[in-house]
Amino acid sequence: MSLSGLCQICESNEAEHTCGQCGTPVCEKHYQRDKSLCTRCVERSGRDDIANPDPDSGPGVDDDDVHRI
């Protein structure tokens, strides 16, 4: 995909991708294709599984926490 404008991270290379999380246009150097994220979002997350989070690993109600009447 070709976008018009500069990468919003380095501000020197042409933006070729858009981050799937924050929507920032970025160049090839600042885009992680396997995650479809910019390097800033990957760094902020500090996790390798951000592109495919496990739906069972987040906060929520466990079956053991449900009290039946």
Protein backbone atom coordinates (compact mmCIF):
# COMPACT_ATOMS: atom_id res chain seq x y z
CA MET A 1 0.00 0.00 0.00
CA SER A 2 1.35 3.38 -0.88
CA LEU A 3 0.34 6.37 1.19
CA SER A 4 1.14 9.96 0.47
CA GLY A 5 3.23 11.60 3.14
CA LEU A 6 6.04 10.86 5.51
CA CYS A 7 6.38 8.28 8.22
CA GLN A 8 5.04 9.76 11.45
CA ILE A 9 7.86 8.15 13.46
CA CYS A 10 11.04 9.07 11.57
CA GLU A 11 9.54 11.89 9.47
CA SER A 12 12.01 11.18 6.67
CA ASN A 13 10.89 8.06 4.79
CA GLU A 14 7.72 7.70 2.75
CA ALA A 15 4.84 6.15 4.68
CA GLU A 16 3.98 2.80 3.11
CA HIS A 17 1.84 1.23 5.85
CA THR A 18 -0.81 2.14 8.41
CA CYS A 19 -0.65 0.76 11.94
CA GLY A 20 -3.54 -1.59 12.65
CA GLN A 21 -3.89 -0.31 16.22
CA CYS A 22 -3.31 3.45 16.22
CA GLY A 23 -3.71 4.25 12.51
CA THR A 24 -0.34 6.02 12.24
CA PRO A 25 1.16 6.07 8.74
CA VAL A 26 4.67 4.58 8.89
CA CYS A 27 7.55 3.51 6.66
CA GLU A 28 8.75 -0.06 6.19
CA LYS A 29 11.43 0.41 8.86
CA HIS A 30 8.87 1.35 11.52
CA TYR A 31 6.28 -1.32 10.68
CA GLN A 32 6.13 -4.89 11.91
CA ARG A 33 4.35 -6.71 9.13
CA ASP A 34 3.74 -9.90 11.13
CA LYS A 35 1.80 -7.91 13.75
CA SER A 36 0.41 -5.20 11.41
CA LEU A 37 1.58 -2.61 13.98
CA CYS A 38 3.95 0.31 14.08
CA THR A 39 7.05 -0.06 16.23
CA ARG A 40 5.64 2.39 18.81
CA CYS A 41 2.57 0.23 19.46
CA VAL A 42 4.74 -2.88 19.69
CA GLU A 43 7.05 -1.14 22.18
CA ARG A 44 4.13 0.22 24.23
CA SER A 45 2.57 -3.19 24.50
CA GLY A 46 5.74 -4.92 25.67
CA ARG A 47 4.08 -8.13 24.51
CA ASP A 48 4.63 -10.39 21.54
CA ASP A 49 1.00 -11.54 21.43
CA ILE A 50 -0.67 -8.16 20.88
CA ALA A 51 -1.77 -8.95 17.34
CA ASN A 52 -3.49 -12.17 18.47
CA PRO A 53 -4.40 -11.75 22.13
CA ASP A 54 -5.77 -14.78 23.94
CA PRO A 55 -9.41 -13.99 24.76
CA ASP A 56 -9.23 -16.28 27.81
CA SER A 57 -6.29 -14.45 29.41
CA GLY A 58 -7.87 -11.07 30.14
CA PRO A 59 -9.88 -9.76 33.05
CA GLY A 60 -13.35 -11.15 33.36
CA VAL A 61 -15.59 -13.39 35.34
CA ASP A 62 -14.41 -16.93 35.97
CA ASP A 63 -16.91 -19.77 36.18
CA ASP A 64 -15.87 -20.24 39.82
CA ASP A 65 -16.87 -16.65 40.61
CA VAL A 66 -20.46 -17.05 39.46
CA HIS A 67 -22.86 -17.72 42.31
CA ARG A 68 -26.06 -19.45 41.39
CA ILE A 69 -29.27 -18.83 43.24
